[in-house]
Structures are given as C-alpha cells and as structure tokens.
Amino acid sequence: MADFQHLFGPVPSRRLGRSLGVSPIPGKTCNYACIYCQLGRTDHMTNTRQPFYPVEKITGELDRWLAADKEPGGGFDVVTVVGEGEPTLYADLGTLLREIRRRTDKPVAVITNGALLYDPEVVRDLMEADIVLPSLDAWDEATFRKIDRPYGRLNWEETVRSLADFSHRYHGQLWLELMLVDGVNTEGASEGFRPLLEKIRYDRLYLNTPVRPPAEKDVQPVPPERLHRLAEELGGISIDSLTSGAFASEAADDYEAVTGIIRRHPMNQHEIAGFLASRGENDPAPLLRRLEQDPAVEAVDYKGFITYRLRPETNAQ
C-alpha cells in the first residue's frame, strides 16, 4: 500500500473475513517471543506501553484510505488493530480505537496475546473494541515459558487470571484462540485447557496451529485430524475448517504491493501468484525472482511452500 506505514491489506483472515490491518507499533515489538511467530524472532522485547506514533498520523492514513475509490462496502469486513508485535503496548490504543470507530461502521477488532490484561488502562482501552481476540497457549507455567517465552516477570497464573477477569467485564465479542504446536502443548491439551476454559467467558473458541514459517525451525504444526479431534473435545472450531478471502493492496506497482503486504503478513508463492492474477498479471516468475534477490526479503522453505517475509532488521525500521 503506497505511502502507508500503519495500514495494510485488506488481507484474508479465516476468522474475520477481509481485514484492513492497522499497525500502531514498530516492527517486532512485543512482550512475548513466541516460538511459532510467523514474523520471525522478536527484536524488541518490552512490557512498557509507549505512544509510539501520534494517533493523528495513523488515523490520517485511514482517512486517505477511506477517501480513495473503493469496492462497494469499502472492500473490507473489519478493521483489525494487530501490529507487528503486541498492539496493547501502544499507550494510546483507546483513543485510536475510538477514532477508528468514528470513521467506519465496520467492526473494529484487536488481536492480542492478553499479557497486559492485568493493567486497568489496557482493559479500559480494549472496551472500545467491538471484537477482542486474545490467545491462550499454555495451561501451566512451564509450557507458557516454553512456547510464549514471555518478557521478564510475566507469569502464566496472572495472565490466565487476568484474561478470565477481563472476559467477564468485556461486553463485546471475545474470540479466544488456542495456538497448538505439535509436541509442545498438545499432549494432555484437553485435560489441561478444559478447566481454564470453564473460567473464561468467550463467544467463540478457535484452535489454530502454525501454517507459515515459524520463528524456530523445529516448530511443527498439529496434523489436521488431531486438531479437529481436539476442537471437538474442547467445543471449539478448528481454524483449518474455515476459508479465507484474497489479499489486496492500493499500491499500483506489483512489487511495492507485495512487499507492503509481507511486511506484516508473510505470503507463500501460491498466494503471491493468486494475488498477481487478481491484478491481471498471470506470470509471477519475474516478481518471485526479484523477491529472491532482494536482500530485505527472507524466503523460507516450510513444508514445501516458499514463504516470503521481510527480514527482522527491515521490519524494525
């Protein structure tokens, strides 16, 4: 998306439809260093909220996007504040959410790891969202540290307690996600997660597993049949049973469009080919070769798919 630092997409989301992304934080700024993160390893570990960018700068981009010619209905289903790390680290999140809601009648969602839900200001800010999508990856401290690798003194017990408390105070839609990594948090998952889920008020429960190259090479996805079985046992929805839409970008140049998307949302070679075809370009080979030669782009072979994402040092800029 040309000249946009904080907006990207719309990108296809299996949970949200066509999502217009809003990133209010610098690249790879997070209080977790999850082993499965599709953006690679966390560069900037912090648990301190900061006003990284003026709200006016972000909403100014949204104003320009909304003012441009768009498809009927705006070409998106939801505005998602997700960032390139943990969006609740943005100190002006509440103001940003209010300003976005003033500008569109589409739902406004926040995807979060939930680590800061112990902070009353974060809770207050998230009350401005129509949908909050927190994650829950572990049922004990040891697994929490193994899969999420949290910052400093963040601990599993407080994180789960705060999530449960928030779920009973929040009046919007709460869509909980369990991210499962084969051999890390799958053995005993039903018995481990079930008592926690009984304490949390949620509207939807999704079970997910890594489908894009993770931060750590030994991370393995859960086989579909096992993921479906766990979903049935926990009363949730297996994420791979959902379908997603297509990528989009306002950038006229194909290469600029692709690199703008992969800055926040990695794409494999088939997704890039489909994206280019939607723009009238049926030969992806020249662009893929250019990506391979670009020092700012990382090409990762994962499960037979070549996935392209910006290198961490580039995302951090």
C-alpha atoms as a PDB file:
ATOM      1  CA  MET A   1       0.000   0.000   0.000  1.00  0.00           C
ATOM      2  CA  ALA A   2       1.795   3.074  -1.256  1.00  0.00           C
ATOM      3  CA  ASP A   3       2.841   5.674   1.313  1.00  0.00           C
ATOM      4  CA  PHE A   4       1.103   3.841   4.142  1.00  0.00           C
ATOM      5  CA  GLN A   5       3.186   2.991   7.184  1.00  0.00           C
ATOM      6  CA  HIS A   6       0.409   1.869   9.513  1.00  0.00           C
ATOM      7  CA  LEU A   7      -2.305   0.418   7.249  1.00  0.00           C
ATOM      8  CA  PHE A   8      -2.049  -2.789   5.260  1.00  0.00           C
ATOM      9  CA  GLY A   9      -4.328  -5.031   3.273  1.00  0.00           C
ATOM     10  CA  PRO A  10      -7.079  -5.911   3.201  1.00  0.00           C
ATOM     11  CA  VAL A  11      -5.655  -9.349   3.937  1.00  0.00           C
ATOM     12  CA  PRO A  12      -7.652 -12.581   4.125  1.00  0.00           C
ATOM     13  CA  SER A  13      -8.463 -13.776   7.619  1.00  0.00           C
ATOM     14  CA  ARG A  14     -10.142 -17.095   8.262  1.00  0.00           C
ATOM     15  CA  ARG A  15     -11.796 -15.665  11.360  1.00  0.00           C
ATOM     16  CA  LEU A  16     -12.540 -12.087  10.297  1.00  0.00           C
ATOM     17  CA  GLY A  17     -13.007 -12.155   6.527  1.00  0.00           C
ATOM     18  CA  ARG A  18     -11.241  -9.353   4.650  1.00  0.00           C
ATOM     19  CA  SER A  19      -9.300  -7.486   7.298  1.00  0.00           C
ATOM     20  CA  LEU A  20      -7.962  -3.946   6.912  1.00  0.00           C
ATOM     21  CA  GLY A  21      -4.934  -4.044   9.199  1.00  0.00           C
ATOM     22  CA  VAL A  22      -3.746  -1.222  11.432  1.00  0.00           C
ATOM     23  CA  SER A  23      -0.275  -1.383  12.977  1.00  0.00           C
ATOM     24  CA  PRO A  24       0.338   1.114  15.814  1.00  0.00           C
ATOM     25  CA  ILE A  25       3.717  -0.239  16.966  1.00  0.00           C
ATOM     26  CA  PRO A  26       7.215  -0.635  15.480  1.00  0.00           C
ATOM     27  CA  GLY A  27       8.092  -3.942  13.847  1.00  0.00           C
ATOM     28  CA  LYS A  28       8.609  -6.939  16.122  1.00  0.00           C
ATOM     29  CA  THR A  29       7.922  -5.039  19.338  1.00  0.00           C
ATOM     30  CA  CYS A  30       6.384  -7.498  21.771  1.00  0.00           C
ATOM     31  CA  ASN A  31       6.332  -8.833  25.322  1.00  0.00           C
ATOM     32  CA  TYR A  32       6.419 -12.416  24.024  1.00  0.00           C
ATOM     33  CA  ALA A  33       8.952 -14.185  21.807  1.00  0.00           C
ATOM     34  CA  CYS A  34       6.634 -16.978  20.667  1.00  0.00           C
ATOM     35  CA  ILE A  35       8.349 -19.924  19.054  1.00  0.00           C
ATOM     36  CA  TYR A  36       5.654 -20.054  16.358  1.00  0.00           C
ATOM     37  CA  CYS A  37       5.582 -16.360  15.365  1.00  0.00           C
ATOM     38  CA  GLN A  38       5.202 -16.041  11.586  1.00  0.00           C
ATOM     39  CA  LEU A  39       7.168 -12.775  11.572  1.00  0.00           C
ATOM     40  CA  GLY A  40      10.289 -14.423  12.970  1.00  0.00           C
ATOM     41  CA  ARG A  41      12.021 -13.801  16.264  1.00  0.00           C
ATOM     42  CA  THR A  42      11.076 -10.800  18.384  1.00  0.00           C
ATOM     43  CA  ASP A  43      13.620  -7.988  18.024  1.00  0.00           C
ATOM     44  CA  HIS A  44      12.391  -5.582  20.695  1.00  0.00           C
ATOM     45  CA  MET A  45      11.238  -7.247  23.914  1.00  0.00           C
ATOM     46  CA  THR A  46       9.427  -4.836  26.204  1.00  0.00           C
ATOM     47  CA  ASN A  47       6.471  -4.740  28.567  1.00  0.00           C
ATOM     48  CA  THR A  48       6.283  -0.950  28.735  1.00  0.00           C
ATOM     49  CA  ARG A  49       3.447   0.815  26.952  1.00  0.00           C
ATOM     50  CA  GLN A  50       4.518   3.743  24.809  1.00  0.00           C
ATOM     51  CA  PRO A  51       2.832   6.257  22.449  1.00  0.00           C
ATOM     52  CA  PHE A  52       4.990   5.033  19.577  1.00  0.00           C
ATOM     53  CA  TYR A  53       3.216   7.138  16.933  1.00  0.00           C
ATOM     54  CA  PRO A  54       0.706  10.014  17.076  1.00  0.00           C
ATOM     55  CA  VAL A  55      -2.879   8.835  16.767  1.00  0.00           C
ATOM     56  CA  GLU A  56      -3.392  11.556  14.161  1.00  0.00           C
ATOM     57  CA  LYS A  57      -0.742  10.024  11.925  1.00  0.00           C
ATOM     58  CA  ILE A  58      -2.465   6.636  11.950  1.00  0.00           C
ATOM     59  CA  THR A  59      -5.989   7.996  11.509  1.00  0.00           C
ATOM     60  CA  GLY A  60      -4.728  10.303   8.771  1.00  0.00           C
ATOM     61  CA  GLU A  61      -3.727   7.244   6.791  1.00  0.00           C
ATOM     62  CA  LEU A  62      -7.144   5.721   7.430  1.00  0.00           C
ATOM     63  CA  ASP A  63      -8.823   8.913   6.225  1.00  0.00           C
ATOM     64  CA  ARG A  64      -6.821   8.788   2.985  1.00  0.00           C
ATOM     65  CA  TRP A  65      -7.626   5.109   2.531  1.00  0.00           C
ATOM     66  CA  LEU A  66     -11.352   5.619   3.067  1.00  0.00           C
ATOM     67  CA  ALA A  67     -11.399   8.642   0.767  1.00  0.00           C
ATOM     68  CA  ALA A  68      -9.919   6.696  -2.154  1.00  0.00           C
ATOM     69  CA  ASP A  69     -12.123   4.822  -4.610  1.00  0.00           C
ATOM     70  CA  LYS A  70     -13.087   1.504  -3.081  1.00  0.00           C
ATOM     71  CA  GLU A  71     -15.205  -1.511  -3.782  1.00  0.00           C
ATOM     72  CA  PRO A  72     -18.835  -1.469  -2.600  1.00  0.00           C
ATOM     73  CA  GLY A  73     -18.844  -1.725   1.169  1.00  0.00           C
ATOM     74  CA  GLY A  74     -15.280  -0.463   1.414  1.00  0.00           C
ATOM     75  CA  GLY A  75     -13.616  -3.699   0.280  1.00  0.00           C
ATOM     76  CA  PHE A  76     -13.133  -4.939   3.847  1.00  0.00           C
ATOM     77  CA  ASP A  77     -15.197  -6.603   6.556  1.00  0.00           C
ATOM     78  CA  VAL A  78     -13.398  -5.432   9.673  1.00  0.00           C
ATOM     79  CA  VAL A  79     -10.646  -3.065  10.800  1.00  0.00           C
ATOM     80  CA  THR A  80      -8.113  -5.063  12.800  1.00  0.00           C
ATOM     81  CA  VAL A  81      -5.569  -3.475  15.122  1.00  0.00           C
ATOM     82  CA  VAL A  82      -2.864  -6.110  15.179  1.00  0.00           C
ATOM     83  CA  GLY A  83       0.520  -4.557  14.563  1.00  0.00           C
ATOM     84  CA  GLU A  84       3.800  -6.364  14.090  1.00  0.00           C
ATOM     85  CA  GLY A  85       4.008  -7.478  17.700  1.00  0.00           C
ATOM     86  CA  GLU A  86       1.673  -6.793  20.637  1.00  0.00           C
ATOM     87  CA  PRO A  87      -0.750  -3.896  19.918  1.00  0.00           C
ATOM     88  CA  THR A  88      -1.732  -3.311  23.555  1.00  0.00           C
ATOM     89  CA  LEU A  89       1.803  -1.945  24.055  1.00  0.00           C
ATOM     90  CA  TYR A  90       0.520   1.128  22.214  1.00  0.00           C
ATOM     91  CA  ALA A  91      -0.270   3.580  25.014  1.00  0.00           C
ATOM     92  CA  ASP A  92      -2.913   5.494  23.015  1.00  0.00           C
ATOM     93  CA  LEU A  93      -4.820   2.386  21.969  1.00  0.00           C
ATOM     94  CA  GLY A  94      -8.138   3.506  23.481  1.00  0.00           C
ATOM     95  CA  THR A  95      -8.059   6.832  21.648  1.00  0.00           C
ATOM     96  CA  LEU A  96      -7.076   5.097  18.412  1.00  0.00           C
ATOM     97  CA  LEU A  97      -9.976   2.648  18.676  1.00  0.00           C
ATOM     98  CA  ARG A  98     -12.459   5.455  19.318  1.00  0.00           C
ATOM     99  CA  GLU A  99     -11.171   7.412  16.341  1.00  0.00           C
ATOM    100  CA  ILE A 100     -11.371   4.390  14.044  1.00  0.00           C
ATOM    101  CA  ARG A 101     -14.946   3.722  15.131  1.00  0.00           C
ATOM    102  CA  ARG A 102     -15.839   7.337  14.336  1.00  0.00           C
ATOM    103  CA  ARG A 103     -14.692   6.779  10.766  1.00  0.00           C
ATOM    104  CA  THR A 104     -16.327   3.475   9.855  1.00  0.00           C
ATOM    105  CA  ASP A 105     -19.382   1.423  10.679  1.00  0.00           C
ATOM    106  CA  LYS A 106     -17.419  -1.797  10.231  1.00  0.00           C
ATOM    107  CA  PRO A 107     -16.438  -3.752  13.377  1.00  0.00           C
ATOM    108  CA  VAL A 108     -13.117  -2.846  14.981  1.00  0.00           C
ATOM    109  CA  ALA A 109     -11.106  -5.787  16.319  1.00  0.00           C
ATOM    110  CA  VAL A 110      -7.923  -6.139  18.370  1.00  0.00           C
ATOM    111  CA  ILE A 111      -5.737  -9.241  18.214  1.00  0.00           C
ATOM    112  CA  THR A 112      -3.718  -9.576  21.429  1.00  0.00           C
ATOM    113  CA  ASN A 113      -1.665 -12.102  23.369  1.00  0.00           C
ATOM    114  CA  GLY A 114      -3.503 -10.962  26.505  1.00  0.00           C
ATOM    115  CA  ALA A 115      -0.327 -10.492  28.554  1.00  0.00           C
ATOM    116  CA  LEU A 116      -1.234  -6.933  29.608  1.00  0.00           C
ATOM    117  CA  LEU A 117      -4.794  -7.625  30.697  1.00  0.00           C
ATOM    118  CA  TYR A 118      -3.691  -7.171  34.319  1.00  0.00           C
ATOM    119  CA  ASP A 119      -3.268  -3.445  33.520  1.00  0.00           C
ATOM    120  CA  PRO A 120      -6.504  -1.469  34.191  1.00  0.00           C
ATOM    121  CA  GLU A 121      -5.610   1.009  31.426  1.00  0.00           C
ATOM    122  CA  VAL A 122      -5.324  -1.778  28.866  1.00  0.00           C
ATOM    123  CA  VAL A 123      -8.670  -3.184  29.978  1.00  0.00           C
ATOM    124  CA  ARG A 124     -10.221   0.267  29.672  1.00  0.00           C
ATOM    125  CA  ASP A 125      -8.752   0.722  26.189  1.00  0.00           C
ATOM    126  CA  LEU A 126      -9.995  -2.643  24.931  1.00  0.00           C
ATOM    127  CA  MET A 127     -13.545  -1.794  25.977  1.00  0.00           C
ATOM    128  CA  GLU A 128     -13.579   0.445  22.880  1.00  0.00           C
ATOM    129  CA  ALA A 129     -13.210  -2.567  20.547  1.00  0.00           C
ATOM    130  CA  ASP A 130     -16.117  -4.485  19.027  1.00  0.00           C
ATOM    131  CA  ILE A 131     -14.144  -7.743  18.994  1.00  0.00           C
ATOM    132  CA  VAL A 132     -11.143  -8.782  21.091  1.00  0.00           C
ATOM    133  CA  LEU A 133      -9.193 -11.867  20.043  1.00  0.00           C
ATOM    134  CA  PRO A 134      -6.838 -12.990  22.827  1.00  0.00           C
ATOM    135  CA  SER A 135      -4.655 -16.064  22.671  1.00  0.00           C
ATOM    136  CA  LEU A 136      -4.082 -18.769  25.251  1.00  0.00           C
ATOM    137  CA  ASP A 137      -1.207 -21.132  24.506  1.00  0.00           C
ATOM    138  CA  ALA A 138      -0.485 -22.928  27.778  1.00  0.00           C
ATOM    139  CA  TRP A 139      -2.154 -24.453  30.809  1.00  0.00           C
ATOM    140  CA  ASP A 140       0.843 -24.225  33.135  1.00  0.00           C
ATOM    141  CA  GLU A 141       3.914 -22.072  33.768  1.00  0.00           C
ATOM    142  CA  ALA A 142       6.428 -24.470  32.223  1.00  0.00           C
ATOM    143  CA  THR A 143       4.560 -24.701  28.922  1.00  0.00           C
ATOM    144  CA  PHE A 144       3.938 -20.935  28.961  1.00  0.00           C
ATOM    145  CA  ARG A 145       7.671 -20.274  29.139  1.00  0.00           C
ATOM    146  CA  LYS A 146       8.445 -22.878  26.507  1.00  0.00           C
ATOM    147  CA  ILE A 147       6.002 -21.724  23.841  1.00  0.00           C
ATOM    148  CA  ASP A 148       5.453 -17.987  24.520  1.00  0.00           C
ATOM    149  CA  ARG A 149       8.825 -17.099  26.087  1.00  0.00           C
ATOM    150  CA  PRO A 150       7.382 -14.066  27.917  1.00  0.00           C
ATOM    151  CA  TYR A 151       9.175 -10.901  28.929  1.00  0.00           C
ATOM    152  CA  GLY A 152      10.691 -10.673  32.402  1.00  0.00           C
ATOM    153  CA  ARG A 153       8.329 -11.378  35.271  1.00  0.00           C
ATOM    154  CA  LEU A 154       5.197 -12.021  33.233  1.00  0.00           C
ATOM    155  CA  ASN A 155       3.760 -15.240  34.563  1.00  0.00           C
ATOM    156  CA  TRP A 156       1.154 -17.739  33.471  1.00  0.00           C
ATOM    157  CA  GLU A 157      -1.051 -17.613  36.575  1.00  0.00           C
ATOM    158  CA  GLU A 158      -1.568 -13.849  36.450  1.00  0.00           C
ATOM    159  CA  THR A 159      -2.037 -13.924  32.677  1.00  0.00           C
ATOM    160  CA  VAL A 160      -4.818 -16.521  32.845  1.00  0.00           C
ATOM    161  CA  ARG A 161      -6.484 -14.886  35.853  1.00  0.00           C
ATOM    162  CA  SER A 162      -6.456 -11.501  34.117  1.00  0.00           C
ATOM    163  CA  LEU A 163      -7.888 -12.997  30.929  1.00  0.00           C
ATOM    164  CA  ALA A 164     -10.724 -14.616  32.865  1.00  0.00           C
ATOM    165  CA  ASP A 165     -11.467 -11.373  34.743  1.00  0.00           C
ATOM    166  CA  PHE A 166     -11.469  -9.373  31.507  1.00  0.00           C
ATOM    167  CA  SER A 167     -13.765 -11.865  29.792  1.00  0.00           C
ATOM    168  CA  HIS A 168     -16.458 -11.287  32.399  1.00  0.00           C
ATOM    169  CA  ARG A 169     -16.183  -7.491  32.203  1.00  0.00           C
ATOM    170  CA  TYR A 170     -15.983  -7.096  28.442  1.00  0.00           C
ATOM    171  CA  HIS A 171     -19.316  -6.541  26.655  1.00  0.00           C
ATOM    172  CA  GLY A 172     -18.159  -7.019  23.058  1.00  0.00           C
ATOM    173  CA  GLN A 173     -17.387 -10.252  21.244  1.00  0.00           C
ATOM    174  CA  LEU A 174     -14.490 -12.231  22.734  1.00  0.00           C
ATOM    175  CA  TRP A 175     -12.989 -14.787  20.357  1.00  0.00           C
ATOM    176  CA  LEU A 176     -10.423 -16.937  22.140  1.00  0.00           C
ATOM    177  CA  GLU A 177      -7.651 -18.735  20.254  1.00  0.00           C
ATOM    178  CA  LEU A 178      -5.590 -21.709  21.360  1.00  0.00           C
ATOM    179  CA  MET A 179      -2.372 -21.930  19.327  1.00  0.00           C
ATOM    180  CA  LEU A 180      -1.170 -25.526  19.338  1.00  0.00           C
ATOM    181  CA  VAL A 181       2.352 -26.662  18.463  1.00  0.00           C
ATOM    182  CA  ASP A 182       2.838 -30.382  17.966  1.00  0.00           C
ATOM    183  CA  GLY A 183       4.733 -31.965  20.859  1.00  0.00           C
ATOM    184  CA  VAL A 184       4.886 -28.713  22.849  1.00  0.00           C
ATOM    185  CA  ASN A 185       1.347 -28.086  24.121  1.00  0.00           C
ATOM    186  CA  THR A 186      -0.642 -30.920  22.544  1.00  0.00           C
ATOM    187  CA  GLU A 187      -0.126 -33.819  24.921  1.00  0.00           C
ATOM    188  CA  GLY A 188      -2.852 -33.553  27.552  1.00  0.00           C
ATOM    189  CA  ALA A 189      -4.267 -30.436  25.869  1.00  0.00           C
ATOM    190  CA  SER A 190      -7.907 -31.319  26.502  1.00  0.00           C
ATOM    191  CA  GLU A 191      -7.361 -32.043  30.181  1.00  0.00           C
ATOM    192  CA  GLY A 192      -5.104 -29.006  30.576  1.00  0.00           C
ATOM    193  CA  PHE A 193      -7.216 -26.385  28.820  1.00  0.00           C
ATOM    194  CA  ARG A 194     -10.703 -27.537  29.846  1.00  0.00           C
ATOM    195  CA  PRO A 195     -10.590 -26.216  33.458  1.00  0.00           C
ATOM    196  CA  LEU A 196      -9.278 -22.868  32.205  1.00  0.00           C
ATOM    197  CA  LEU A 197     -11.973 -22.536  29.569  1.00  0.00           C
ATOM    198  CA  GLU A 198     -14.621 -23.050  32.215  1.00  0.00           C
ATOM    199  CA  LYS A 199     -13.431 -19.829  33.887  1.00  0.00           C
ATOM    200  CA  ILE A 200     -13.419 -17.712  30.722  1.00  0.00           C
ATOM    201  CA  ARG A 201     -16.489 -16.199  29.096  1.00  0.00           C
ATOM    202  CA  TYR A 202     -15.976 -16.321  25.348  1.00  0.00           C
ATOM    203  CA  ASP A 203     -18.213 -16.164  22.289  1.00  0.00           C
ATOM    204  CA  ARG A 204     -16.037 -18.275  20.026  1.00  0.00           C
ATOM    205  CA  LEU A 205     -13.149 -20.678  20.567  1.00  0.00           C
ATOM    206  CA  TYR A 206     -10.680 -21.315  17.761  1.00  0.00           C
ATOM    207  CA  LEU A 207      -7.945 -23.937  17.702  1.00  0.00           C
ATOM    208  CA  ASN A 208      -5.035 -22.947  15.487  1.00  0.00           C
ATOM    209  CA  THR A 209      -1.642 -24.324  14.525  1.00  0.00           C
ATOM    210  CA  PRO A 210       1.298 -22.783  12.623  1.00  0.00           C
ATOM    211  CA  VAL A 211       0.824 -22.760   8.856  1.00  0.00           C
ATOM    212  CA  ARG A 212       3.592 -20.301   7.946  1.00  0.00           C
ATOM    213  CA  PRO A 213       7.316 -20.455   8.695  1.00  0.00           C
ATOM    214  CA  PRO A 214       7.727 -20.026  12.469  1.00  0.00           C
ATOM    215  CA  ALA A 215      10.375 -18.207  14.471  1.00  0.00           C
ATOM    216  CA  GLU A 216      12.023 -21.508  15.444  1.00  0.00           C
ATOM    217  CA  LYS A 217      12.749 -24.179  12.849  1.00  0.00           C
ATOM    218  CA  ASP A 218      11.749 -27.162  14.983  1.00  0.00           C
ATOM    219  CA  VAL A 219       8.153 -25.935  15.432  1.00  0.00           C
ATOM    220  CA  GLN A 220       5.719 -28.418  13.892  1.00  0.00           C
ATOM    221  CA  PRO A 221       2.015 -27.971  13.098  1.00  0.00           C
ATOM    222  CA  VAL A 222      -0.584 -30.293  14.561  1.00  0.00           C
ATOM    223  CA  PRO A 223      -1.906 -32.773  11.967  1.00  0.00           C
ATOM    224  CA  PRO A 224      -5.408 -31.792  10.773  1.00  0.00           C
ATOM    225  CA  GLU A 225      -7.141 -34.893  12.115  1.00  0.00           C
ATOM    226  CA  ARG A 226      -5.732 -34.338  15.617  1.00  0.00           C
ATOM    227  CA  LEU A 227      -6.572 -30.624  15.512  1.00  0.00           C
ATOM    228  CA  HIS A 228     -10.162 -31.453  14.576  1.00  0.00           C
ATOM    229  CA  ARG A 229     -10.370 -34.024  17.374  1.00  0.00           C
ATOM    230  CA  LEU A 230      -9.095 -31.538  19.957  1.00  0.00           C
ATOM    231  CA  ALA A 231     -11.568 -28.964  18.672  1.00  0.00           C
ATOM    232  CA  GLU A 232     -14.412 -31.418  19.205  1.00  0.00           C
ATOM    233  CA  GLU A 233     -13.196 -32.317  22.678  1.00  0.00           C
ATOM    234  CA  LEU A 234     -12.943 -28.654  23.727  1.00  0.00           C
ATOM    235  CA  GLY A 235     -16.061 -27.450  21.955  1.00  0.00           C
ATOM    236  CA  GLY A 236     -14.165 -25.167  19.592  1.00  0.00           C
ATOM    237  CA  ILE A 237     -13.606 -24.644  15.879  1.00  0.00           C
ATOM    238  CA  SER A 238     -10.551 -25.920  14.031  1.00  0.00           C
ATOM    239  CA  ILE A 239      -9.091 -22.960  12.143  1.00  0.00           C
ATOM    240  CA  ASP A 240      -8.369 -25.022   9.043  1.00  0.00           C
ATOM    241  CA  SER A 241     -12.068 -25.691   8.629  1.00  0.00           C
ATOM    242  CA  LEU A 242     -12.552 -22.026   7.792  1.00  0.00           C
ATOM    243  CA  THR A 243     -11.939 -20.379   4.439  1.00  0.00           C
ATOM    244  CA  SER A 244     -10.273 -17.063   3.703  1.00  0.00           C
ATOM    245  CA  GLY A 245     -10.560 -14.450   1.019  1.00  0.00           C
ATOM    246  CA  ALA A 246      -7.935 -12.714  -1.088  1.00  0.00           C
ATOM    247  CA  PHE A 247      -5.119 -10.262  -0.458  1.00  0.00           C
ATOM    248  CA  ALA A 248      -5.492  -6.660  -1.638  1.00  0.00           C
ATOM    249  CA  SER A 249      -3.356  -3.541  -1.854  1.00  0.00           C
ATOM    250  CA  GLU A 250      -3.802   0.034  -3.007  1.00  0.00           C
ATOM    251  CA  ALA A 251      -0.233   0.199  -4.357  1.00  0.00           C
ATOM    252  CA  ALA A 252      -0.243   0.370  -8.154  1.00  0.00           C
ATOM    253  CA  ASP A 253       3.177  -1.261  -8.506  1.00  0.00           C
ATOM    254  CA  ASP A 254       3.002  -5.035  -8.048  1.00  0.00           C
ATOM    255  CA  TYR A 255       6.339  -5.341  -6.273  1.00  0.00           C
ATOM    256  CA  GLU A 256       5.551  -2.484  -3.926  1.00  0.00           C
ATOM    257  CA  ALA A 257       2.181  -4.067  -3.226  1.00  0.00           C
ATOM    258  CA  VAL A 258       3.672  -7.474  -2.375  1.00  0.00           C
ATOM    259  CA  THR A 259       6.451  -6.099  -0.175  1.00  0.00           C
ATOM    260  CA  GLY A 260       3.932  -3.894   1.590  1.00  0.00           C
ATOM    261  CA  ILE A 261       1.832  -6.935   2.462  1.00  0.00           C
ATOM    262  CA  ILE A 262       4.684  -9.231   3.522  1.00  0.00           C
ATOM    263  CA  ARG A 263       5.969  -6.602   5.903  1.00  0.00           C
ATOM    264  CA  ARG A 264       3.150  -7.646   8.253  1.00  0.00           C
ATOM    265  CA  HIS A 265       1.666 -10.783   6.686  1.00  0.00           C
ATOM    266  CA  PRO A 266       4.004 -13.329   5.049  1.00  0.00           C
ATOM    267  CA  MET A 267       2.823 -14.797   1.741  1.00  0.00           C
ATOM    268  CA  ASN A 268       3.793 -18.047   0.048  1.00  0.00           C
ATOM    269  CA  GLN A 269       4.440 -18.398  -3.668  1.00  0.00           C
ATOM    270  CA  HIS A 270       0.895 -19.586  -4.414  1.00  0.00           C
ATOM    271  CA  GLU A 271      -0.687 -16.674  -2.531  1.00  0.00           C
ATOM    272  CA  ILE A 272       1.547 -14.252  -4.430  1.00  0.00           C
ATOM    273  CA  ALA A 273       0.600 -15.879  -7.733  1.00  0.00           C
ATOM    274  CA  GLY A 274      -3.102 -15.605  -6.881  1.00  0.00           C
ATOM    275  CA  PHE A 275      -2.690 -12.002  -5.768  1.00  0.00           C
ATOM    276  CA  LEU A 276      -0.905 -11.060  -9.010  1.00  0.00           C
ATOM    277  CA  ALA A 277      -3.528 -12.865 -11.097  1.00  0.00           C
ATOM    278  CA  SER A 278      -6.234 -10.788  -9.407  1.00  0.00           C
ATOM    279  CA  ARG A 279      -4.379  -7.722 -10.689  1.00  0.00           C
ATOM    280  CA  GLY A 280      -4.122  -9.047 -14.243  1.00  0.00           C
ATOM    281  CA  GLU A 281      -0.571 -10.444 -14.047  1.00  0.00           C
ATOM    282  CA  ASN A 282      -0.532 -14.166 -14.747  1.00  0.00           C
ATOM    283  CA  ASP A 283       3.221 -14.757 -14.701  1.00  0.00           C
ATOM    284  CA  PRO A 284       4.550 -14.483 -11.121  1.00  0.00           C
ATOM    285  CA  ALA A 285       8.048 -15.748 -12.006  1.00  0.00           C
ATOM    286  CA  PRO A 286       9.734 -12.337 -12.556  1.00  0.00           C
ATOM    287  CA  LEU A 287       8.413 -10.937  -9.296  1.00  0.00           C
ATOM    288  CA  LEU A 288       9.344 -14.082  -7.371  1.00  0.00           C
ATOM    289  CA  ARG A 289      12.871 -13.890  -8.768  1.00  0.00           C
ATOM    290  CA  ARG A 290      13.081 -10.273  -7.673  1.00  0.00           C
ATOM    291  CA  LEU A 291      11.983 -11.253  -4.184  1.00  0.00           C
ATOM    292  CA  GLU A 292      14.638 -13.960  -4.080  1.00  0.00           C
ATOM    293  CA  GLN A 293      17.307 -11.382  -4.962  1.00  0.00           C
ATOM    294  CA  ASP A 294      16.083  -8.669  -2.593  1.00  0.00           C
ATOM    295  CA  PRO A 295      18.362  -8.531   0.494  1.00  0.00           C
ATOM    296  CA  ALA A 296      15.470  -7.156   2.535  1.00  0.00           C
ATOM    297  CA  VAL A 297      13.334 -10.232   1.839  1.00  0.00           C
ATOM    298  CA  GLU A 298      13.669 -13.626   3.505  1.00  0.00           C
ATOM    299  CA  ALA A 299      12.485 -16.700   1.579  1.00  0.00           C
ATOM    300  CA  VAL A 300      11.742 -19.643   3.849  1.00  0.00           C
ATOM    301  CA  ASP A 301      11.047 -23.175   2.653  1.00  0.00           C
ATOM    302  CA  TYR A 302       8.469 -24.600   5.070  1.00  0.00           C
ATOM    303  CA  LYS A 303       6.569 -27.810   4.369  1.00  0.00           C
ATOM    304  CA  GLY A 304       7.216 -27.498   0.654  1.00  0.00           C
ATOM    305  CA  PHE A 305       5.962 -23.907   0.425  1.00  0.00           C
ATOM    306  CA  ILE A 306       8.306 -20.978  -0.163  1.00  0.00           C
ATOM    307  CA  THR A 307       7.095 -18.194   2.099  1.00  0.00           C
ATOM    308  CA  TYR A 308       8.327 -14.634   1.750  1.00  0.00           C
ATOM    309  CA  ARG A 309       8.599 -12.155   4.604  1.00  0.00           C
ATOM    310  CA  LEU A 310      10.714  -9.098   5.319  1.00  0.00           C
ATOM    311  CA  ARG A 311      13.856  -9.754   7.333  1.00  0.00           C
ATOM    312  CA  PRO A 312      13.558  -8.749  11.012  1.00  0.00           C
ATOM    313  CA  GLU A 313      16.043  -5.890  10.710  1.00  0.00           C
ATOM    314  CA  THR A 314      13.921  -4.474   7.872  1.00  0.00           C
ATOM    315  CA  ASN A 315      10.677  -4.818   9.801  1.00  0.00           C
ATOM    316  CA  ALA A 316      12.214  -2.957  12.700  1.00  0.00           C
ATOM    317  CA  GLN A 317      12.684   0.206  10.661  1.00  0.00           C
END
